[in-house]
C-alpha atoms as a PDB file:
ATOM      1  CA  LYS A   1      71.627  33.242 100.545  1.00  0.00           C
ATOM      2  CA  GLU A   2      69.848  36.057  98.749  1.00  0.00           C
ATOM      3  CA  GLU A   3      71.443  34.980  95.546  1.00  0.00           C
ATOM      4  CA  LYS A   4      70.192  31.469  96.127  1.00  0.00           C
ATOM      5  CA  THR A   5      66.710  32.778  96.879  1.00  0.00           C
ATOM      6  CA  ALA A   6      66.819  34.946  93.734  1.00  0.00           C
ATOM      7  CA  MET A   7      67.890  31.933  91.690  1.00  0.00           C
ATOM      8  CA  VAL A   8      65.136  29.797  93.205  1.00  0.00           C
ATOM      9  CA  ASN A   9      62.602  32.567  92.508  1.00  0.00           C
ATOM     10  CA  GLU A  10      63.869  32.921  88.938  1.00  0.00           C
ATOM     11  CA  LYS A  11      63.717  29.142  88.526  1.00  0.00           C
ATOM     12  CA  ARG A  12      60.151  29.134  89.812  1.00  0.00           C
ATOM     13  CA  SER A  13      59.292  32.064  87.578  1.00  0.00           C
ATOM     14  CA  LEU A  14      60.766  30.270  84.546  1.00  0.00           C
ATOM     15  CA  GLU A  15      59.007  27.051  85.513  1.00  0.00           C
ATOM     16  CA  SER A  16      55.739  28.968  85.873  1.00  0.00           C
ATOM     17  CA  GLU A  17      56.240  30.668  82.499  1.00  0.00           C
ATOM     18  CA  LEU A  18      57.133  27.328  80.951  1.00  0.00           C
ATOM     19  CA  GLU A  19      53.977  25.782  82.460  1.00  0.00           C
ATOM     20  CA  GLN A  20      51.891  28.671  81.110  1.00  0.00           C
ATOM     21  CA  GLN A  21      53.395  28.205  77.638  1.00  0.00           C
ATOM     22  CA  ARG A  22      52.771  24.438  77.850  1.00  0.00           C
ATOM     23  CA  LYS A  23      49.144  25.052  78.849  1.00  0.00           C
ATOM     24  CA  HIS A  24      48.776  27.637  76.085  1.00  0.00           C
ATOM     25  CA  LEU A  25      50.177  25.162  73.529  1.00  0.00           C
ATOM     26  CA  GLU A  26      47.896  22.410  74.834  1.00  0.00           C
ATOM     27  CA  THR A  27      44.899  24.751  74.582  1.00  0.00           C
ATOM     28  CA  GLN A  28      45.971  25.839  71.100  1.00  0.00           C
ATOM     29  CA  HIS A  29      46.501  22.199  70.054  1.00  0.00           C
ATOM     30  CA  ALA A  30      43.091  21.210  71.496  1.00  0.00           C
ATOM     31  CA  SER A  31      41.464  24.157  69.721  1.00  0.00           C
ATOM     32  CA  GLU A  32      43.051  23.150  66.392  1.00  0.00           C
ATOM     33  CA  LYS A  33      41.986  19.555  66.990  1.00  0.00           C
ATOM     34  CA  VAL A  34      38.386  20.707  67.634  1.00  0.00           C
ATOM     35  CA  LYS A  35      38.477  22.826  64.458  1.00  0.00           C
ATOM     36  CA  MET A  36      39.789  19.861  62.444  1.00  0.00           C
ATOM     37  CA  ASN A  37      37.119  17.578  63.912  1.00  0.00           C
ATOM     38  CA  LEU A  38      34.391  20.091  63.040  1.00  0.00           C
ATOM     39  CA  ALA A  39      35.737  20.463  59.496  1.00  0.00           C
ATOM     40  CA  PHE A  40      35.919  16.681  59.167  1.00  0.00           C
ATOM     41  CA  LYS A  41      32.338  16.311  60.468  1.00  0.00           C
ATOM     42  CA  GLU A  42      31.132  18.985  58.013  1.00  0.00           C
ATOM     43  CA  GLU A  43      32.885  17.196  55.162  1.00  0.00           C
ATOM     44  CA  ILE A  44      31.334  13.866  56.203  1.00  0.00           C
ATOM     45  CA  GLU A  45      27.892  15.520  56.396  1.00  0.00           C
ATOM     46  CA  ALA A  46      28.352  17.033  52.919  1.00  0.00           C
ATOM     47  CA  ILE A  47      29.331  13.604  51.549  1.00  0.00           C
ATOM     48  CA  LYS A  48      26.298  12.021  53.257  1.00  0.00           C
ATOM     49  CA  ASN A  49      23.999  14.672  51.748  1.00  0.00           C
ATOM     50  CA  GLU A  50      25.499  14.195  48.289  1.00  0.00           C
ATOM     51  CA  TYR A  51      25.140  10.418  48.624  1.00  0.00           C
ATOM     52  CA  ALA A  52      21.510  10.798  49.766  1.00  0.00           C
ATOM     53  CA  ALA A  53      20.800  13.101  46.805  1.00  0.00           C
ATOM     54  CA  ASN A  54      22.387  10.572  44.426  1.00  0.00           C
ATOM     55  CA  ILE A  55      20.287   7.777  45.934  1.00  0.00           C
ATOM     56  CA  ALA A  56      17.129   9.898  45.586  1.00  0.00           C
ATOM     57  CA  THR A  57      18.026  10.622  41.945  1.00  0.00           C
ATOM     58  CA  LYS A  58      18.677   6.945  41.258  1.00  0.00           C
ATOM     59  CA  ASP A  59      15.397   6.002  42.986  1.00  0.00           C
ATOM     60  CA  GLU A  60      13.511   8.495  40.826  1.00  0.00           C
ATOM     61  CA  GLN A  61      15.247   7.198  37.694  1.00  0.00           C
ATOM     62  CA  LEU A  62      14.305   3.662  38.724  1.00  0.00           C
ATOM     63  CA  ARG A  63      10.666   4.688  39.290  1.00  0.00           C
ATOM     64  CA  VAL A  64      10.559   6.351  35.869  1.00  0.00           C
ATOM     65  CA  ALA A  65      12.164   3.300  34.231  1.00  0.00           C
ATOM     66  CA  GLU A  66       9.676   0.964  35.951  1.00  0.00           C
ATOM     67  CA  ALA A  67       6.734   3.139  34.883  1.00  0.00           C
ATOM     68  CA  THR A  68       8.049   3.209  31.308  1.00  0.00           C
ATOM     69  CA  ALA A  69       8.519  -0.564  31.347  1.00  0.00           C
ATOM     70  CA  ARG A  70       4.938  -1.025  32.591  1.00  0.00           C
ATOM     71  CA  GLN A  71       3.610   1.273  29.851  1.00  0.00           C
ATOM     72  CA  MET A  72       5.600  -0.600  27.217  1.00  0.00           C
ATOM     73  CA  TYR A  73       4.335  -3.942  28.553  1.00  0.00           C
ATOM     74  CA  HIS A  74       0.697  -2.776  28.427  1.00  0.00           C
ATOM     75  CA  LYS A  75       1.202  -1.364  24.920  1.00  0.00           C
ATOM     76  CA  LYS A  76       2.698  -4.710  23.855  1.00  0.00           C
ATOM     77  CA  GLN A  77      -0.321  -6.497  25.348  1.00  0.00           C
ATOM     78  CA  GLU A  78      -2.682  -4.190  23.394  1.00  0.00           C
ATOM     79  CA  LEU A  79      -0.733  -4.707  20.174  1.00  0.00           C
ATOM     80  CA  THR A  80      -0.709  -8.474  20.736  1.00  0.00           C
ATOM     81  CA  LYS A  81      -4.508  -8.465  21.207  1.00  0.00           C
ATOM     82  CA  ASP A  82      -4.936  -6.334  18.077  1.00  0.00           C
ATOM     83  CA  LEU A  83      -2.689  -8.703  16.138  1.00  0.00           C
ATOM     84  CA  GLU A  84      -4.647 -11.735  17.373  1.00  0.00           C
ATOM     85  CA  LYS A  85      -7.925 -10.071  16.326  1.00  0.00           C
ATOM     86  CA  SER A  86      -6.459  -9.284  12.913  1.00  0.00           C
ATOM     87  CA  MET A  87      -5.198 -12.849  12.532  1.00  0.00           C
ATOM     88  CA  LEU A  88      -8.651 -14.218  13.448  1.00  0.00           C
ATOM     89  CA  LYS A  89     -10.255 -11.840  10.957  1.00  0.00           C
ATOM     90  CA  VAL A  90      -7.824 -12.888   8.217  1.00  0.00           C
ATOM     91  CA  THR A  91      -8.393 -16.551   9.072  1.00  0.00           C
ATOM     92  CA  SER A  92     -12.159 -16.014   9.003  1.00  0.00           C
ATOM     93  CA  GLU A  93     -11.945 -14.138   5.706  1.00  0.00           C
ATOM     94  CA  SER A  94      -9.743 -16.898   4.277  1.00  0.00           C
ATOM     95  CA  ALA A  95     -12.289 -19.484   5.370  1.00  0.00           C
ATOM     96  CA  ASN A  96     -15.093 -17.411   3.832  1.00  0.00           C
ATOM     97  CA  THR A  97     -13.133 -17.021   0.604  1.00  0.00           C
ATOM     98  CA  ALA A  98     -12.483 -20.768   0.479  1.00  0.00           C
ATOM     99  CA  LYS A  99     -16.199 -21.414   1.079  1.00  0.00           C
ATOM    100  CA  VAL A 100     -17.211 -18.955  -1.662  1.00  0.00           C
ATOM    101  CA  ASN A 101     -14.642 -20.505  -4.017  1.00  0.00           C
ATOM    102  CA  GLU A 102     -16.052 -23.969  -3.292  1.00  0.00           C
ATOM    103  CA  GLU A 103     -19.617 -22.727  -3.853  1.00  0.00           C
ATOM    104  CA  ASN A 104     -18.529 -21.071  -7.137  1.00  0.00           C
ATOM    105  CA  LYS A 105     -16.883 -24.322  -8.229  1.00  0.00           C
ATOM    106  CA  ILE A 106     -20.096 -26.271  -7.501  1.00  0.00           C
ATOM    107  CA  LEU A 107     -22.188 -23.660  -9.357  1.00  0.00           C
ATOM    108  CA  LEU A 108     -19.820 -23.791 -12.344  1.00  0.00           C
ATOM    109  CA  GLU A 109     -20.059 -27.581 -12.406  1.00  0.00           C
ATOM    110  CA  GLU A 110     -23.864 -27.347 -12.277  1.00  0.00           C
ATOM    111  CA  LYS A 111     -23.849 -24.725 -15.097  1.00  0.00           C
ATOM    112  CA  ASN A 112     -21.611 -26.961 -17.227  1.00  0.00           C
ATOM    113  CA  LYS A 113     -23.915 -29.935 -16.542  1.00  0.00           C
ATOM    114  CA  LEU A 114     -27.001 -27.876 -17.444  1.00  0.00           C
ATOM    115  CA  SER A 115     -25.250 -26.613 -20.586  1.00  0.00           C
ATOM    116  CA  ARG A 116     -24.553 -30.221 -21.656  1.00  0.00           C
ATOM    117  CA  GLU A 117     -28.145 -31.226 -20.865  1.00  0.00           C
ATOM    118  CA  LEU A 118     -29.417 -28.221 -22.862  1.00  0.00           C
ATOM    119  CA  ILE A 119     -27.249 -29.206 -25.847  1.00  0.00           C
ATOM    120  CA  GLU A 120     -28.529 -32.794 -25.553  1.00  0.00           C
ATOM    121  CA  ALA A 121     -32.130 -31.548 -25.301  1.00  0.00           C
ATOM    122  CA  LYS A 122     -31.686 -29.317 -28.390  1.00  0.00           C
ATOM    123  CA  SER A 123     -30.169 -32.206 -30.234  1.00  0.00           C
ATOM    124  CA  ALA A 124     -33.077 -34.472 -29.225  1.00  0.00           C
ATOM    125  CA  LEU A 125     -35.550 -31.725 -30.206  1.00  0.00           C
ATOM    126  CA  GLU A 126     -33.948 -31.405 -33.612  1.00  0.00           C
ATOM    127  CA  ILE A 127     -34.159 -35.170 -34.080  1.00  0.00           C
ATOM    128  CA  LEU A 128     -37.819 -35.144 -33.038  1.00  0.00           C
ATOM    129  CA  GLN A 129     -38.554 -32.212 -35.340  1.00  0.00           C
ATOM    130  CA  LYS A 130     -36.950 -34.037 -38.256  1.00  0.00           C
ATOM    131  CA  HIS A 131     -38.887 -37.131 -37.369  1.00  0.00           C
ATOM    132  CA  VAL A 132     -42.127 -35.095 -37.257  1.00  0.00           C
ATOM    133  CA  GLN A 133     -41.262 -33.512 -40.600  1.00  0.00           C
ATOM    134  CA  ASN A 134     -40.617 -36.941 -42.093  1.00  0.00           C
ATOM    135  CA  ILE A 135     -43.968 -38.223 -40.799  1.00  0.00           C
ATOM    136  CA  GLU A 136     -45.770 -35.190 -42.226  1.00  0.00           C
ATOM    137  CA  LYS A 137     -44.070 -35.664 -45.585  1.00  0.00           C
ATOM    138  CA  GLU A 138     -45.220 -39.243 -45.685  1.00  0.00           C
ATOM    139  CA  LYS A 139     -48.782 -38.203 -45.188  1.00  0.00           C
END
């Protein structure tokens, strides 16, 4: 009977030790699982922060690109206005040149006409002078 009791006590002792080892392993496993979860959460947080930084960088690049595009658009508008003013000035100057050329043409025609009339008047004067001379000779 004592032997049986000793065996039962040893069995219980072994079962108790086995239970303690099982609990220790479960605790160790749970602890490792918690550590892994924390590491995973930290990694996810680092990825989120990196992603947020990339988005902020891209947003800033987009803002800079938009500002540059606006500046270029306004500069184009200014250059277009300047070009239109220059074109109007050239058109106006061309019109003025054409007007002056037309006026010069009219003046040249008038000069030529007056030159012909002067030649005709000289010719008539010469004829009259000869006629006067002839009349005086006859006297």
